[in-house]
N, C-alpha and C. Protein backbone atom coordinates (compact mmCIF):
# COMPACT_ATOMS: atom_id res chain seq x y z
N MET A 1 -13.80 11.09 -4.88
CA MET A 1 -13.93 10.62 -6.25
C MET A 1 -12.58 10.16 -6.78
N ASP A 2 -12.62 9.07 -7.50
CA ASP A 2 -11.43 8.52 -8.13
C ASP A 2 -11.70 8.30 -9.61
N ILE A 3 -10.64 8.17 -10.36
CA ILE A 3 -10.76 7.72 -11.74
C ILE A 3 -10.99 6.22 -11.67
N LEU A 4 -12.09 5.76 -12.25
CA LEU A 4 -12.38 4.33 -12.21
C LEU A 4 -11.51 3.58 -13.21
N LEU A 5 -11.10 2.39 -12.80
CA LEU A 5 -10.24 1.56 -13.63
C LEU A 5 -10.98 0.32 -14.09
N GLY A 6 -10.65 -0.13 -15.28
CA GLY A 6 -11.23 -1.36 -15.81
C GLY A 6 -10.48 -2.57 -15.27
N ASN A 7 -10.92 -3.76 -15.64
CA ASN A 7 -10.26 -4.99 -15.20
C ASN A 7 -8.82 -5.09 -15.67
N ASP A 8 -8.50 -4.41 -16.76
CA ASP A 8 -7.14 -4.44 -17.28
C ASP A 8 -6.23 -3.42 -16.59
N GLY A 9 -6.79 -2.64 -15.65
CA GLY A 9 -6.01 -1.64 -14.92
C GLY A 9 -5.95 -0.29 -15.59
N ASP A 10 -6.49 -0.18 -16.79
CA ASP A 10 -6.49 1.09 -17.51
C ASP A 10 -7.72 1.91 -17.11
N MET A 11 -7.68 3.21 -17.38
CA MET A 11 -8.81 4.08 -17.04
C MET A 11 -10.05 3.69 -17.83
N LEU A 12 -11.19 3.76 -17.17
CA LEU A 12 -12.46 3.58 -17.87
C LEU A 12 -12.78 4.87 -18.60
N VAL A 13 -13.17 4.74 -19.86
CA VAL A 13 -13.46 5.89 -20.70
C VAL A 13 -14.85 5.71 -21.30
N SER A 14 -15.63 6.77 -21.27
CA SER A 14 -16.98 6.73 -21.84
C SER A 14 -16.90 6.67 -23.36
N PRO A 15 -18.00 6.32 -24.02
CA PRO A 15 -18.01 6.32 -25.49
C PRO A 15 -17.66 7.69 -26.08
N GLN A 16 -17.89 8.76 -25.31
CA GLN A 16 -17.56 10.10 -25.77
C GLN A 16 -16.09 10.45 -25.54
N GLY A 17 -15.34 9.54 -24.90
CA GLY A 17 -13.92 9.78 -24.67
C GLY A 17 -13.59 10.43 -23.34
N ASP A 18 -14.57 10.55 -22.45
CA ASP A 18 -14.33 11.14 -21.14
C ASP A 18 -13.95 10.06 -20.13
N ILE A 19 -13.04 10.40 -19.22
CA ILE A 19 -12.74 9.46 -18.14
C ILE A 19 -13.94 9.39 -17.21
N ILE A 20 -14.12 8.24 -16.58
CA ILE A 20 -15.27 8.03 -15.70
C ILE A 20 -14.81 8.11 -14.25
N LEU A 21 -15.46 8.98 -13.49
CA LEU A 21 -15.15 9.16 -12.08
C LEU A 21 -16.18 8.45 -11.22
N GLY A 22 -15.77 8.06 -10.03
CA GLY A 22 -16.71 7.44 -9.11
C GLY A 22 -16.01 6.99 -7.85
N ASP A 23 -16.78 6.44 -6.94
CA ASP A 23 -16.26 5.88 -5.71
C ASP A 23 -16.37 4.36 -5.81
N SER A 24 -15.32 3.66 -5.52
CA SER A 24 -15.33 2.21 -5.61
C SER A 24 -14.50 1.61 -4.48
N VAL A 25 -15.20 1.00 -3.53
CA VAL A 25 -14.51 0.33 -2.42
C VAL A 25 -13.68 -0.83 -2.97
N ALA A 26 -14.24 -1.59 -3.89
CA ALA A 26 -13.52 -2.73 -4.46
C ALA A 26 -12.23 -2.27 -5.14
N GLN A 27 -12.29 -1.15 -5.86
CA GLN A 27 -11.09 -0.64 -6.51
C GLN A 27 -10.06 -0.19 -5.48
N GLU A 28 -10.52 0.46 -4.43
CA GLU A 28 -9.58 0.90 -3.38
C GLU A 28 -8.89 -0.29 -2.74
N ILE A 29 -9.62 -1.35 -2.47
CA ILE A 29 -9.03 -2.56 -1.88
C ILE A 29 -8.01 -3.16 -2.85
N SER A 30 -8.39 -3.28 -4.11
CA SER A 30 -7.50 -3.86 -5.11
C SER A 30 -6.19 -3.08 -5.21
N ILE A 31 -6.28 -1.77 -5.24
CA ILE A 31 -5.08 -0.94 -5.33
C ILE A 31 -4.22 -1.13 -4.09
N ARG A 32 -4.83 -1.13 -2.92
CA ARG A 32 -4.06 -1.32 -1.68
C ARG A 32 -3.33 -2.66 -1.67
N LEU A 33 -3.98 -3.71 -2.18
CA LEU A 33 -3.36 -5.03 -2.17
C LEU A 33 -2.31 -5.20 -3.26
N LYS A 34 -2.33 -4.36 -4.27
CA LYS A 34 -1.34 -4.46 -5.34
C LYS A 34 -0.09 -3.63 -5.09
N TRP A 35 -0.14 -2.75 -4.10
CA TRP A 35 1.04 -1.94 -3.78
C TRP A 35 2.09 -2.77 -3.09
N PHE A 36 3.30 -2.70 -3.58
CA PHE A 36 4.43 -3.33 -2.91
C PHE A 36 5.00 -2.34 -1.91
N ALA A 37 5.44 -2.82 -0.75
CA ALA A 37 6.03 -1.95 0.27
C ALA A 37 7.17 -1.14 -0.34
N GLY A 38 7.18 0.16 -0.06
CA GLY A 38 8.23 1.04 -0.54
C GLY A 38 8.08 1.52 -1.98
N GLU A 39 7.02 1.07 -2.65
CA GLU A 39 6.85 1.38 -4.07
C GLU A 39 6.36 2.82 -4.31
N TRP A 40 5.53 3.33 -3.40
CA TRP A 40 4.92 4.64 -3.62
C TRP A 40 5.87 5.71 -3.10
N ARG A 41 6.32 6.59 -3.98
CA ARG A 41 7.36 7.54 -3.60
C ARG A 41 6.93 8.57 -2.57
N TRP A 42 5.63 8.81 -2.40
CA TRP A 42 5.17 9.80 -1.43
C TRP A 42 4.98 9.21 -0.04
N ASP A 43 4.98 7.89 0.07
CA ASP A 43 4.86 7.24 1.37
C ASP A 43 5.46 5.85 1.28
N ARG A 44 6.74 5.74 1.58
CA ARG A 44 7.47 4.48 1.46
C ARG A 44 6.98 3.42 2.44
N ASP A 45 6.22 3.82 3.47
CA ASP A 45 5.69 2.86 4.44
C ASP A 45 4.42 2.18 3.92
N GLU A 46 3.83 2.73 2.87
CA GLU A 46 2.60 2.17 2.30
C GLU A 46 2.93 0.91 1.50
N GLY A 47 1.98 0.00 1.42
CA GLY A 47 2.16 -1.20 0.61
C GLY A 47 2.33 -2.45 1.46
N LEU A 48 2.37 -3.58 0.78
CA LEU A 48 2.51 -4.87 1.45
C LEU A 48 3.93 -5.41 1.28
N PRO A 49 4.45 -6.10 2.28
CA PRO A 49 5.84 -6.60 2.24
C PRO A 49 5.97 -7.90 1.44
N TYR A 50 5.63 -7.83 0.16
CA TYR A 50 5.67 -9.04 -0.67
C TYR A 50 7.05 -9.67 -0.72
N PHE A 51 8.10 -8.87 -0.94
CA PHE A 51 9.44 -9.44 -1.09
C PHE A 51 9.96 -10.08 0.18
N ASN A 52 9.63 -9.52 1.32
CA ASN A 52 10.14 -10.05 2.59
C ASN A 52 9.27 -11.13 3.21
N ARG A 53 7.97 -11.16 2.86
CA ARG A 53 7.06 -12.04 3.57
C ARG A 53 6.35 -13.08 2.70
N LEU A 54 6.11 -12.80 1.42
CA LEU A 54 5.37 -13.76 0.58
C LEU A 54 6.25 -14.37 -0.50
N PHE A 55 7.04 -13.57 -1.19
CA PHE A 55 7.87 -14.08 -2.28
C PHE A 55 9.18 -14.64 -1.72
N VAL A 56 9.04 -15.57 -0.81
CA VAL A 56 10.19 -16.23 -0.17
C VAL A 56 10.01 -17.73 -0.33
N LYS A 57 11.06 -18.49 0.01
CA LYS A 57 11.04 -19.93 -0.20
C LYS A 57 9.90 -20.63 0.54
N LYS A 58 9.71 -20.30 1.81
CA LYS A 58 8.63 -20.91 2.60
C LYS A 58 7.84 -19.80 3.30
N PRO A 59 6.91 -19.17 2.56
CA PRO A 59 6.17 -18.05 3.16
C PRO A 59 5.20 -18.51 4.24
N ASP A 60 5.05 -17.67 5.24
CA ASP A 60 4.05 -17.89 6.29
C ASP A 60 2.77 -17.22 5.81
N THR A 61 1.95 -17.97 5.08
CA THR A 61 0.75 -17.38 4.49
C THR A 61 -0.25 -16.94 5.55
N ASP A 62 -0.27 -17.60 6.71
CA ASP A 62 -1.18 -17.16 7.78
C ASP A 62 -0.81 -15.75 8.25
N ALA A 63 0.47 -15.51 8.43
CA ALA A 63 0.92 -14.17 8.85
C ALA A 63 0.62 -13.14 7.76
N PHE A 64 0.82 -13.54 6.50
CA PHE A 64 0.55 -12.60 5.41
C PHE A 64 -0.95 -12.32 5.30
N GLU A 65 -1.79 -13.30 5.59
CA GLU A 65 -3.24 -13.08 5.60
C GLU A 65 -3.60 -11.99 6.61
N ALA A 66 -2.97 -12.01 7.77
CA ALA A 66 -3.24 -10.98 8.79
C ALA A 66 -2.82 -9.60 8.28
N ILE A 67 -1.71 -9.52 7.59
CA ILE A 67 -1.24 -8.24 7.04
C ILE A 67 -2.22 -7.76 5.96
N ALA A 68 -2.65 -8.67 5.10
CA ALA A 68 -3.60 -8.32 4.03
C ALA A 68 -4.94 -7.88 4.63
N ARG A 69 -5.40 -8.59 5.65
CA ARG A 69 -6.67 -8.24 6.33
C ARG A 69 -6.61 -6.81 6.85
N GLU A 70 -5.50 -6.46 7.46
CA GLU A 70 -5.32 -5.11 8.00
C GLU A 70 -5.36 -4.06 6.88
N LYS A 71 -4.72 -4.38 5.75
CA LYS A 71 -4.68 -3.44 4.62
C LYS A 71 -6.08 -3.27 4.02
N ILE A 72 -6.85 -4.36 3.92
CA ILE A 72 -8.21 -4.29 3.41
C ILE A 72 -9.07 -3.43 4.33
N PHE A 73 -8.90 -3.61 5.63
CA PHE A 73 -9.69 -2.86 6.61
C PHE A 73 -9.43 -1.36 6.54
N GLU A 74 -8.27 -0.97 6.03
CA GLU A 74 -7.94 0.46 5.89
C GLU A 74 -8.73 1.14 4.78
N ALA A 75 -9.34 0.38 3.89
CA ALA A 75 -10.13 0.97 2.80
C ALA A 75 -11.31 1.72 3.39
N GLY A 76 -11.58 2.88 2.83
CA GLY A 76 -12.56 3.84 3.31
C GLY A 76 -13.77 3.36 4.07
N GLU A 77 -14.67 2.66 3.44
CA GLU A 77 -15.95 2.34 4.06
C GLU A 77 -16.01 0.93 4.65
N VAL A 78 -14.92 0.19 4.64
CA VAL A 78 -14.94 -1.19 5.11
C VAL A 78 -15.16 -1.22 6.62
N THR A 79 -16.16 -2.02 7.04
CA THR A 79 -16.48 -2.16 8.46
C THR A 79 -16.10 -3.53 9.01
N GLU A 80 -15.91 -4.50 8.12
CA GLU A 80 -15.55 -5.85 8.54
C GLU A 80 -14.85 -6.57 7.40
N VAL A 81 -13.87 -7.40 7.75
CA VAL A 81 -13.15 -8.19 6.75
C VAL A 81 -13.28 -9.65 7.15
N ARG A 82 -13.73 -10.46 6.19
CA ARG A 82 -13.92 -11.89 6.44
C ARG A 82 -13.16 -12.72 5.41
N ASP A 83 -12.92 -13.94 5.77
CA ASP A 83 -12.45 -14.95 4.82
C ASP A 83 -11.27 -14.52 3.96
N VAL A 84 -10.22 -14.01 4.55
CA VAL A 84 -9.02 -13.68 3.79
C VAL A 84 -8.19 -14.95 3.64
N SER A 85 -7.80 -15.23 2.40
CA SER A 85 -6.90 -16.37 2.17
C SER A 85 -5.80 -15.93 1.20
N VAL A 86 -4.62 -16.45 1.45
CA VAL A 86 -3.46 -16.13 0.62
C VAL A 86 -2.82 -17.44 0.17
N THR A 87 -2.60 -17.54 -1.13
CA THR A 87 -1.86 -18.68 -1.66
C THR A 87 -0.69 -18.14 -2.47
N TYR A 88 0.38 -18.92 -2.47
CA TYR A 88 1.55 -18.53 -3.25
C TYR A 88 2.16 -19.78 -3.86
N ASP A 89 2.45 -19.70 -5.16
CA ASP A 89 3.07 -20.79 -5.88
C ASP A 89 4.51 -20.40 -6.19
N ASN A 90 5.46 -21.07 -5.54
CA ASN A 90 6.88 -20.74 -5.74
C ASN A 90 7.33 -20.96 -7.18
N HIS A 91 6.79 -21.96 -7.83
CA HIS A 91 7.22 -22.26 -9.20
C HIS A 91 6.84 -21.13 -10.17
N SER A 92 5.58 -20.70 -10.13
CA SER A 92 5.13 -19.64 -11.04
C SER A 92 5.40 -18.25 -10.49
N ARG A 93 5.70 -18.18 -9.19
CA ARG A 93 5.96 -16.92 -8.49
C ARG A 93 4.72 -16.01 -8.50
N LYS A 94 3.54 -16.65 -8.34
CA LYS A 94 2.27 -15.91 -8.33
C LYS A 94 1.61 -16.07 -6.96
N GLY A 95 1.09 -14.95 -6.47
CA GLY A 95 0.32 -14.95 -5.25
C GLY A 95 -1.12 -14.57 -5.54
N ILE A 96 -2.03 -15.12 -4.77
CA ILE A 96 -3.45 -14.77 -4.90
C ILE A 96 -3.99 -14.47 -3.51
N ILE A 97 -4.65 -13.31 -3.39
CA ILE A 97 -5.31 -12.93 -2.15
C ILE A 97 -6.81 -12.91 -2.44
N ARG A 98 -7.55 -13.71 -1.71
CA ARG A 98 -9.02 -13.72 -1.82
C ARG A 98 -9.58 -13.17 -0.52
N TYR A 99 -10.68 -12.43 -0.63
CA TYR A 99 -11.23 -11.79 0.56
C TYR A 99 -12.73 -11.55 0.42
N VAL A 100 -13.34 -11.32 1.57
CA VAL A 100 -14.71 -10.81 1.65
C VAL A 100 -14.64 -9.61 2.57
N ALA A 101 -15.10 -8.46 2.09
CA ALA A 101 -15.11 -7.22 2.88
C ALA A 101 -16.52 -6.67 2.90
N LEU A 102 -16.93 -6.16 4.06
CA LEU A 102 -18.27 -5.62 4.22
C LEU A 102 -18.22 -4.13 4.50
N THR A 103 -19.21 -3.42 3.96
CA THR A 103 -19.46 -2.03 4.32
C THR A 103 -20.87 -2.00 4.91
N ASP A 104 -21.34 -0.84 5.26
CA ASP A 104 -22.71 -0.74 5.77
C ASP A 104 -23.74 -1.06 4.69
N ARG A 105 -23.35 -0.95 3.42
CA ARG A 105 -24.30 -1.12 2.32
C ARG A 105 -24.07 -2.36 1.46
N GLU A 106 -22.83 -2.85 1.38
CA GLU A 106 -22.53 -3.91 0.43
C GLU A 106 -21.53 -4.92 0.99
N THR A 107 -21.50 -6.07 0.35
CA THR A 107 -20.49 -7.08 0.61
C THR A 107 -19.66 -7.24 -0.67
N PHE A 108 -18.36 -7.19 -0.53
CA PHE A 108 -17.45 -7.30 -1.67
C PHE A 108 -16.66 -8.59 -1.55
N ARG A 109 -16.69 -9.39 -2.59
CA ARG A 109 -15.87 -10.58 -2.70
C ARG A 109 -14.85 -10.30 -3.79
N GLY A 110 -13.59 -10.47 -3.46
CA GLY A 110 -12.58 -10.13 -4.44
C GLY A 110 -11.42 -11.08 -4.46
N GLU A 111 -10.66 -10.96 -5.53
CA GLU A 111 -9.46 -11.75 -5.71
C GLU A 111 -8.43 -10.85 -6.38
N VAL A 112 -7.26 -10.80 -5.81
CA VAL A 112 -6.17 -9.99 -6.36
C VAL A 112 -4.99 -10.92 -6.63
N LYS A 113 -4.52 -10.89 -7.87
CA LYS A 113 -3.36 -11.70 -8.25
C LYS A 113 -2.14 -10.82 -8.31
N VAL A 114 -1.05 -11.33 -7.75
CA VAL A 114 0.20 -10.58 -7.71
C VAL A 114 1.31 -11.48 -8.22
N LEU A 115 2.08 -10.94 -9.15
CA LEU A 115 3.19 -11.69 -9.73
C LEU A 115 4.50 -11.09 -9.23
N CYS A 116 5.39 -11.95 -8.80
CA CYS A 116 6.70 -11.49 -8.35
C CYS A 116 7.47 -10.98 -9.58
N PRO A 117 7.87 -9.72 -9.57
CA PRO A 117 8.61 -9.20 -10.73
C PRO A 117 9.97 -9.86 -10.88
N ASP A 118 10.43 -9.94 -12.09
CA ASP A 118 11.76 -10.48 -12.37
C ASP A 118 12.79 -9.48 -11.88
N MET A 119 13.60 -9.89 -10.97
CA MET A 119 14.58 -8.97 -10.37
C MET A 119 15.93 -9.07 -11.07
N GLY A 120 15.99 -9.80 -12.17
CA GLY A 120 17.26 -10.00 -12.89
C GLY A 120 17.61 -8.92 -13.74
């Protein structure tokens, strides 16, 4: 069980003010794809290498797609990952990962947007 998050990334809260718990494969995938490598203090190996592999002058998006596919496949119930695509716009410094992931019960189509933080 996890605390479910809304589209804005904040906790979902019931009308009575209680947090909402549940299992969400889509949420797990989204969280995995939003982690930057080295960001999580309990496991510095977790996350995606955005700074070294995507937020660069000429990113190899095919290689990054393979890395993202692997990270999606690590999500709990995922049995197959299809149609992963990664785009990155150097001007806006925004990346988008689109994917299709399958479990034994459902197919998830998702899109995760990642913005390169200002390092100044």
